[in-house]
Protein backbone atom coordinates (compact mmCIF):
# COMPACT_ATOMS: atom_id res chain seq x y z
CA MET A 1 -3.65 -14.73 44.41
CA TYR A 2 -2.25 -11.52 42.18
CA HIS A 3 -4.80 -11.53 39.67
CA ARG A 4 -7.60 -11.48 42.25
CA TRP A 5 -5.69 -8.61 43.94
CA LEU A 6 -5.91 -6.88 40.65
CA ASP A 7 -9.55 -7.99 39.98
CA ARG A 8 -10.05 -6.07 43.03
CA TRP A 9 -8.20 -2.90 42.60
CA ASP A 10 -9.74 -2.70 39.43
CA GLU A 11 -13.57 -2.55 41.34
CA ARG A 12 -12.11 -0.04 44.17
CA ARG A 13 -11.21 2.21 41.23
CA ALA A 14 -14.92 1.57 39.33
CA GLN A 15 -16.52 2.28 43.03
CA ARG A 16 -14.17 5.12 43.10
CA GLY A 17 -15.13 6.09 39.52
CA GLU A 18 -19.14 5.57 40.50
CA GLU A 19 -19.50 8.52 43.80
CA ALA A 20 -20.38 11.23 41.38
CA LYS A 21 -22.43 9.73 38.64
CA LYS A 22 -26.17 9.80 39.46
CA THR A 23 -29.50 8.42 37.06
CA THR A 24 -30.21 11.58 35.34
CA ALA A 25 -33.79 11.77 33.30
CA PHE A 26 -34.19 9.54 29.97
CA ALA A 27 -34.93 11.91 27.09
CA LEU A 28 -34.39 11.58 23.16
CA ASP A 29 -33.18 15.04 22.01
CA ALA A 30 -33.52 14.22 18.33
CA ASP A 31 -32.61 17.91 17.50
CA ARG A 32 -29.63 17.42 19.11
CA ALA A 33 -28.02 14.06 17.19
CA PHE A 34 -30.33 15.22 13.94
CA PRO A 35 -30.53 18.84 13.52
CA GLY A 36 -33.80 20.60 12.41
CA GLU A 37 -35.93 17.55 13.81
CA GLN A 38 -37.24 19.33 16.74
CA ASN A 39 -41.03 17.36 16.34
CA ILE A 40 -39.22 13.91 16.99
CA LYS A 41 -41.34 12.00 19.73
CA THR A 42 -40.60 8.33 19.56
CA ILE A 43 -38.35 6.22 19.99
CA GLU A 44 -39.41 4.41 16.64
CA GLU A 45 -38.88 7.64 14.71
CA PHE A 46 -35.40 8.54 16.12
CA CYS A 47 -34.51 4.94 15.12
CA ILE A 48 -35.48 6.09 11.45
CA LEU A 49 -33.20 9.05 11.66
CA ALA A 50 -30.44 6.66 13.20
CA GLN A 51 -30.36 4.32 10.81
CA GLN A 52 -30.18 7.10 8.13
CA ALA A 53 -27.41 8.56 9.82
CA VAL A 54 -25.74 5.47 9.38
CA ALA A 55 -26.35 5.57 5.90
CA ASP A 56 -25.16 8.45 5.08
CA PRO A 57 -21.47 8.77 4.54
CA ALA A 58 -21.50 13.10 5.15
CA PHE A 59 -22.84 12.43 8.71
CA PHE A 60 -19.18 12.94 10.57
CA ASP A 61 -18.11 15.45 7.84
CA GLU A 62 -16.78 18.74 9.26
CA PRO A 63 -18.35 22.08 7.47
CA VAL A 64 -16.74 23.42 4.47
CA GLY A 65 -14.66 26.84 5.02
CA ASN A 66 -13.98 26.43 8.66
CA GLU A 67 -10.55 26.28 8.57
CA GLN A 68 -9.07 29.63 10.58
CA ALA A 69 -9.29 30.93 13.97
CA PHE A 70 -6.72 28.36 15.63
CA GLU A 71 -4.47 29.70 18.39
CA ARG A 72 -0.89 28.09 19.42
CA GLN A 73 1.00 29.45 22.17
CA ASP A 74 3.63 27.64 23.49
CA GLU A 75 2.26 23.98 23.64
CA TRP A 76 -1.50 24.95 23.50
CA LEU A 77 -3.61 24.92 21.04
CA LYS A 78 -7.22 26.34 20.47
CA PHE A 79 -9.72 26.69 18.11
CA PRO A 80 -13.91 27.06 17.85
CA SER A 81 -15.86 23.56 17.61
CA ASP A 82 -18.09 23.27 14.50
CA ILE A 83 -20.58 22.47 16.58
CA SER A 84 -22.57 25.02 19.36
CA THR A 85 -24.08 23.74 22.34
CA ASP A 86 -25.66 25.11 25.37
CA VAL A 87 -22.34 24.95 27.05
CA PRO A 88 -20.17 27.94 26.14
CA LYS A 89 -17.16 26.59 27.85
CA ASN A 90 -17.54 23.07 25.80
CA ASN A 91 -17.60 25.38 22.19
CA VAL A 92 -13.66 26.12 22.25
CA VAL A 93 -11.65 23.07 21.79
CA TRP A 94 -8.20 22.55 23.83
CA ALA A 95 -5.51 20.41 22.83
CA LYS A 96 -1.77 20.09 23.81
CA ILE A 97 1.48 19.32 21.58
CA THR A 98 4.49 17.71 22.85
CA ASP A 99 6.91 18.31 19.86
CA GLY A 100 8.80 15.30 18.75
CA GLY A 101 11.36 17.47 16.54
CA SER A 102 9.72 16.21 13.07
CA LEU A 103 6.97 16.61 10.78
CA ASP A 104 7.40 13.05 9.73
CA GLN A 105 4.50 11.74 11.97
CA ALA A 106 1.62 13.34 14.21
CA LEU A 107 -0.13 11.34 16.76
CA VAL A 108 -3.54 12.73 17.77
CA ILE A 109 -4.61 10.90 21.36
CA PHE A 110 -8.09 10.86 22.08
CA HIS A 111 -9.20 10.34 26.34
CA HIS A 112 -11.00 8.42 28.25
CA TRP A 113 -14.55 9.30 29.78
CA ASN A 114 -13.69 11.32 32.68
CA ALA A 115 -10.39 11.51 32.24
CA SER A 116 -8.62 14.01 35.08
CA ALA A 117 -4.98 14.54 33.64
CA TRP A 118 -3.14 15.20 30.32
CA ASN A 119 -1.23 11.59 28.96
CA GLY A 120 1.97 13.66 29.77
CA ARG A 121 3.72 10.13 30.20
CA ILE A 122 2.66 8.39 26.58
CA ALA A 123 3.25 12.46 24.79
CA GLY A 124 6.97 11.94 26.72
CA PHE A 125 7.64 8.62 25.82
CA LEU A 126 6.60 8.92 22.26
CA SER A 127 7.72 12.68 21.61
CA LYS A 128 11.26 11.84 22.26
CA ARG A 129 11.19 9.15 19.58
CA GLY A 130 10.27 11.34 16.91
CA ILE A 131 6.65 11.50 16.71
CA THR A 132 4.83 14.86 17.74
CA VAL A 133 2.26 14.11 20.07
CA VAL A 134 -1.21 16.00 20.03
CA GLU A 135 -3.60 15.59 23.25
CA ILE A 136 -7.25 17.09 22.49
CA ALA A 137 -9.41 17.53 25.13
CA MET A 138 -12.87 15.55 24.31
CA PRO A 139 -16.26 17.26 24.98
CA TYR A 140 -17.10 18.27 29.08
CA HIS A 141 -13.57 17.57 29.55
CA PHE A 142 -10.67 19.62 31.01
CA GLU A 143 -11.09 23.27 30.17
CA ARG A 144 -14.36 22.09 28.13
CA GLY A 145 -16.12 21.20 31.57
CA ARG A 146 -19.18 21.70 32.48
CA PRO A 147 -20.04 24.43 35.30
CA GLY A 148 -20.93 22.72 38.31
CA SER A 149 -20.79 19.27 37.10
CA LEU A 150 -18.82 16.39 38.98
CA HIS A 151 -18.17 14.45 35.87
CA ALA A 152 -18.54 14.34 32.28
CA ASP A 153 -22.16 13.52 31.80
CA HIS A 154 -22.62 15.33 29.09
CA MET A 155 -20.74 13.49 26.95
CA LEU A 156 -22.06 10.13 27.63
CA SER A 157 -25.86 10.05 29.10
CA ALA A 158 -28.99 8.55 29.05
CA ASN A 159 -29.98 11.89 26.81
CA LEU A 160 -29.89 9.93 23.39
CA GLY A 161 -29.77 13.09 21.41
CA ARG A 162 -26.93 15.14 23.16
CA THR A 163 -24.85 11.70 23.80
CA ILE A 164 -24.90 11.45 19.64
CA GLN A 165 -24.42 15.20 19.42
CA SER A 166 -21.22 14.89 21.83
CA VAL A 167 -19.31 11.66 20.47
CA ARG A 168 -19.69 13.59 16.79
CA GLN A 169 -18.96 16.95 18.13
CA ALA A 170 -15.58 14.89 19.25
CA VAL A 171 -15.83 13.81 15.82
CA LEU A 172 -15.49 16.85 13.69
CA ASP A 173 -13.37 18.19 15.96
CA GLY A 174 -10.51 15.64 16.07
CA ARG A 175 -10.95 16.14 12.26
CA LYS A 176 -10.66 19.52 11.98
CA LEU A 177 -7.62 19.05 14.15
CA ILE A 178 -6.21 16.66 11.21
CA ARG A 179 -6.76 19.10 8.90
CA TRP A 180 -4.79 22.25 10.15
CA LEU A 181 -1.71 19.48 11.48
CA LYS A 182 -1.80 19.02 7.38
CA ARG A 183 -1.63 22.22 6.53
CA GLU A 184 1.23 22.41 9.17
CA GLY A 185 3.00 20.09 7.20
CA TYR A 186 2.53 16.84 9.10
CA ARG A 187 3.41 14.07 6.88
CA ASP A 188 1.19 10.67 8.42
CA ILE A 189 -1.43 11.27 10.75
CA SER A 190 -2.03 8.46 13.63
CA VAL A 191 -5.10 8.13 16.03
CA LEU A 192 -4.90 6.66 19.60
CA GLY A 193 -8.68 6.21 21.03
CA MET A 194 -8.35 5.00 25.13
CA SER A 195 -11.78 3.44 26.24
CA LEU A 196 -14.71 6.09 25.11
CA GLY A 197 -12.05 7.75 23.10
CA SER A 198 -11.61 4.54 20.92
CA TRP A 199 -15.12 5.49 19.65
CA VAL A 200 -13.94 8.34 18.73
CA ALA A 201 -10.86 7.53 17.35
CA GLY A 202 -12.22 4.50 15.38
CA LEU A 203 -14.95 6.85 13.47
CA ILE A 204 -12.68 9.27 12.33
CA ALA A 205 -10.10 6.71 11.14
CA ALA A 206 -13.01 5.32 9.31
CA HIS A 207 -14.49 8.38 7.46
CA ASP A 208 -10.58 10.27 7.25
CA SER A 209 -8.64 9.25 4.56
CA ALA A 210 -5.74 11.22 6.21
CA VAL A 211 -5.50 8.76 9.30
CA SER A 212 -3.01 6.45 7.94
CA LYS A 213 -2.90 4.60 11.80
CA ALA A 214 -5.33 3.81 14.29
CA SER A 215 -4.93 2.56 18.04
CA LEU A 216 -8.03 1.22 19.87
CA PHE A 217 -7.10 1.05 23.78
CA LEU A 218 -9.97 -0.97 25.50
CA THR A 219 -12.90 -0.84 22.72
CA ALA A 220 -15.74 -2.63 20.84
CA GLY A 221 -17.99 -1.70 18.50
CA SER A 222 -21.27 -1.39 20.28
CA LEU A 223 -21.57 1.25 22.56
CA ALA A 224 -24.88 0.48 23.29
CA ASP A 225 -24.02 -2.75 24.50
CA MET A 226 -20.67 -1.00 26.65
CA VAL A 227 -23.48 1.41 28.33
CA TRP A 228 -25.89 -1.78 29.23
CA SER A 229 -23.09 -4.19 30.75
CA GLY A 230 -20.36 -2.31 31.58
CA ARG A 231 -19.25 -1.39 35.14
CA ALA A 232 -18.40 2.15 34.86
CA THR A 233 -22.23 2.80 33.01
CA ARG A 234 -24.42 1.57 35.50
CA ALA A 235 -26.06 4.28 36.54
CA ILE A 236 -26.96 5.34 32.54
CA ARG A 237 -28.46 1.88 32.50
CA ASP A 238 -30.47 2.54 35.27
CA SER A 239 -31.52 6.21 33.74
CA LEU A 240 -32.24 4.20 30.43
CA GLU A 241 -33.88 0.99 31.71
CA PRO A 242 -37.11 2.23 32.30
CA ASP A 243 -37.40 3.50 29.15
CA ILE A 244 -36.04 1.99 26.14
CA ASP A 245 -34.95 -2.00 25.81
CA LEU A 246 -30.79 -2.63 24.66
CA ALA A 247 -32.52 -3.56 21.17
CA ASP A 248 -33.74 -0.26 20.46
CA LEU A 249 -30.82 1.39 22.11
CA ARG A 250 -28.91 -0.37 19.31
CA ARG A 251 -30.67 1.20 16.91
CA ALA A 252 -31.00 4.81 18.41
CA TRP A 253 -27.07 4.98 18.97
CA GLY A 254 -26.37 3.01 15.54
CA PRO A 255 -24.43 5.98 14.08
CA LEU A 256 -22.06 5.45 16.94
CA ASN A 257 -21.38 1.49 16.33
CA LEU A 258 -17.91 0.92 14.83
CA GLU A 259 -19.29 -2.13 13.86
CA ASN A 260 -21.37 -0.39 11.57
CA TYR A 261 -18.60 0.81 9.78
CA ALA A 262 -16.06 -2.00 9.79
CA HIS A 263 -15.79 -1.83 5.82
CA ARG A 264 -14.76 1.65 6.41
CA LEU A 265 -11.63 0.22 8.85
CA ALA A 266 -10.54 -2.73 6.04
CA ARG A 267 -9.66 0.24 3.93
CA PRO A 268 -6.01 -1.08 2.37
CA ASP A 269 -4.53 2.40 3.46
CA LEU A 270 -5.19 2.07 7.06
CA ALA A 271 -3.21 0.09 9.78
CA LEU A 272 -4.96 -0.85 12.91
CA GLN A 273 -3.97 -2.07 16.41
CA ILE A 274 -6.80 -3.19 19.18
CA VAL A 275 -5.51 -3.25 22.43
CA LEU A 276 -7.76 -5.00 24.92
CA ALA A 277 -8.00 -6.54 28.67
CA ALA A 278 -9.15 -9.95 29.10
CA ARG A 279 -10.09 -8.98 32.52
CA ASP A 280 -11.96 -6.15 31.76
CA LYS A 281 -15.58 -5.17 33.50
CA VAL A 282 -16.20 -2.13 31.32
CA VAL A 283 -15.61 -2.81 27.65
CA LEU A 284 -16.63 -6.94 27.88
CA PRO A 285 -13.93 -8.95 25.99
CA GLU A 286 -16.86 -10.38 24.15
CA LEU A 287 -18.26 -7.16 22.94
CA SER A 288 -14.32 -6.74 21.60
CA ALA A 289 -14.40 -10.43 20.39
CA ASN A 290 -17.20 -9.03 18.52
CA PHE A 291 -15.67 -6.46 16.71
CA LEU A 292 -12.79 -7.97 16.02
CA GLN A 293 -15.24 -10.89 14.21
CA LYS A 294 -16.70 -8.01 12.35
CA LEU A 295 -13.69 -6.17 11.55
CA ASN A 296 -11.83 -9.76 10.68
CA ASP A 297 -15.61 -10.18 8.28
CA ALA A 298 -14.18 -7.25 6.31
CA GLY A 299 -11.28 -7.76 5.94
CA ALA A 300 -9.38 -5.86 8.22
CA ARG A 301 -6.60 -7.32 9.97
CA PRO A 302 -5.55 -5.87 12.96
CA ASN A 303 -2.75 -5.94 15.06
CA THR A 304 -4.12 -7.34 18.30
CA LEU A 305 -2.67 -7.67 21.84
CA GLN A 306 -4.69 -8.75 25.20
CA LEU A 307 -3.18 -8.66 28.44
CA ASN A 308 -4.33 -10.59 31.40
CA CYS A 309 -5.41 -7.21 33.27
CA GLY A 310 -8.59 -5.19 33.85
CA HIS A 311 -9.54 -1.88 32.12
CA TYR A 312 -8.11 0.40 34.78
CA SER A 313 -5.30 -1.50 35.41
CA LEU A 314 -3.99 -1.21 32.30
CA ALA A 315 -2.59 1.81 33.84
CA LEU A 316 0.20 -0.37 36.12
CA PRO A 317 3.14 -2.13 35.06
CA PRO A 318 3.64 -4.33 33.43
CA TYR A 319 0.96 -3.74 31.49
CA ILE A 320 1.18 -0.31 30.45
CA LEU A 321 4.80 -0.88 29.53
CA LEU A 322 3.64 -3.79 27.33
CA ALA A 323 1.16 -1.91 25.61
CA GLY A 324 3.12 1.46 25.28
CA LEU A 325 5.88 -0.26 23.36
CA SER A 326 3.33 -2.37 21.31
CA LEU A 327 2.34 1.36 20.23
CA LYS A 328 5.69 2.00 19.73
CA ARG A 329 6.66 -0.70 17.69
CA PHE A 330 3.15 0.17 15.35
CA LEU A 331 3.86 3.62 14.94
CA SER A 332 7.23 2.94 13.92
CA ALA A 333 6.37 0.24 11.18
CA THR A 334 6.37 1.42 7.96
CA ASP A 335 2.51 1.55 6.57
CA SER A 336 2.85 -1.68 4.89
CA ALA A 337 4.53 -3.59 8.16
CA ALA A 338 2.04 -1.78 10.03
CA ARG A 339 -1.18 -3.41 8.26
CA ARG A 340 0.58 -6.97 7.70
CA ALA A 341 1.49 -7.35 11.56
């Protein structure tokens, strides 16, 4: 009875989220994803570039010599993004810092798609336990929102190139913030990603050795499969389906597929936590299971927690309390203990 109510609650929440989402035009826009490639006209050509990006260890590297122009005022930090888009507001990165009173550990949080509020409860809970929490606004969210848009439709859409550009921008922004935290003296850097934010946090953890712990909430490997099958992305699938099939979408968005970097996530100096929802209709449990299998095959041993709730109802008690306590234990464990968990 309770879980039927919970499923209905999740469905109502999903319906409210659909109100602003509309079908849009399919586009390759390869030069956004792969600068300098303006002449790409076919899906096959796009997929070849995507495969090359997966094999390129520098695709998610930040430019050299970009350490200046950070401005902090009280709990707010802003700095220029290293990717310039046609939305000026999006080119300035904002972050909110909740000080834990120590330089021992900092946690960078990457929120979910279309987030409308900062994660104040998590930040307050962890900062009281000595962890400085830095919440970063992902592209086209919060102060970076596109004027006139009702949701973050440029972050994830049927525009293949812009979606890659947006996720890559989020990764580079996060890595730039981590460099700043290191210069400020923080010794241990962790990342937490929620839903779409978990893809960003996972890509950062896979490519940045400065990250010692990564907690991925409501995650999977293939972003293409999540969009194709998920409850929150039906409008995007409707936009994609007349022009591209799932097999080609997987290839096109290969650079965003965490399964392609499972060997990097299995590096011995990285501790991983995965938090999943067994009743999830946004990130289907079978997609998460595939990702976990890839991680295990690569030698990773993530600390995994699966709760009997849905994607949105993870935010309800008791689930959010269980997830929060698990996160606190994971972050507080010594590096070796966290990797054994």
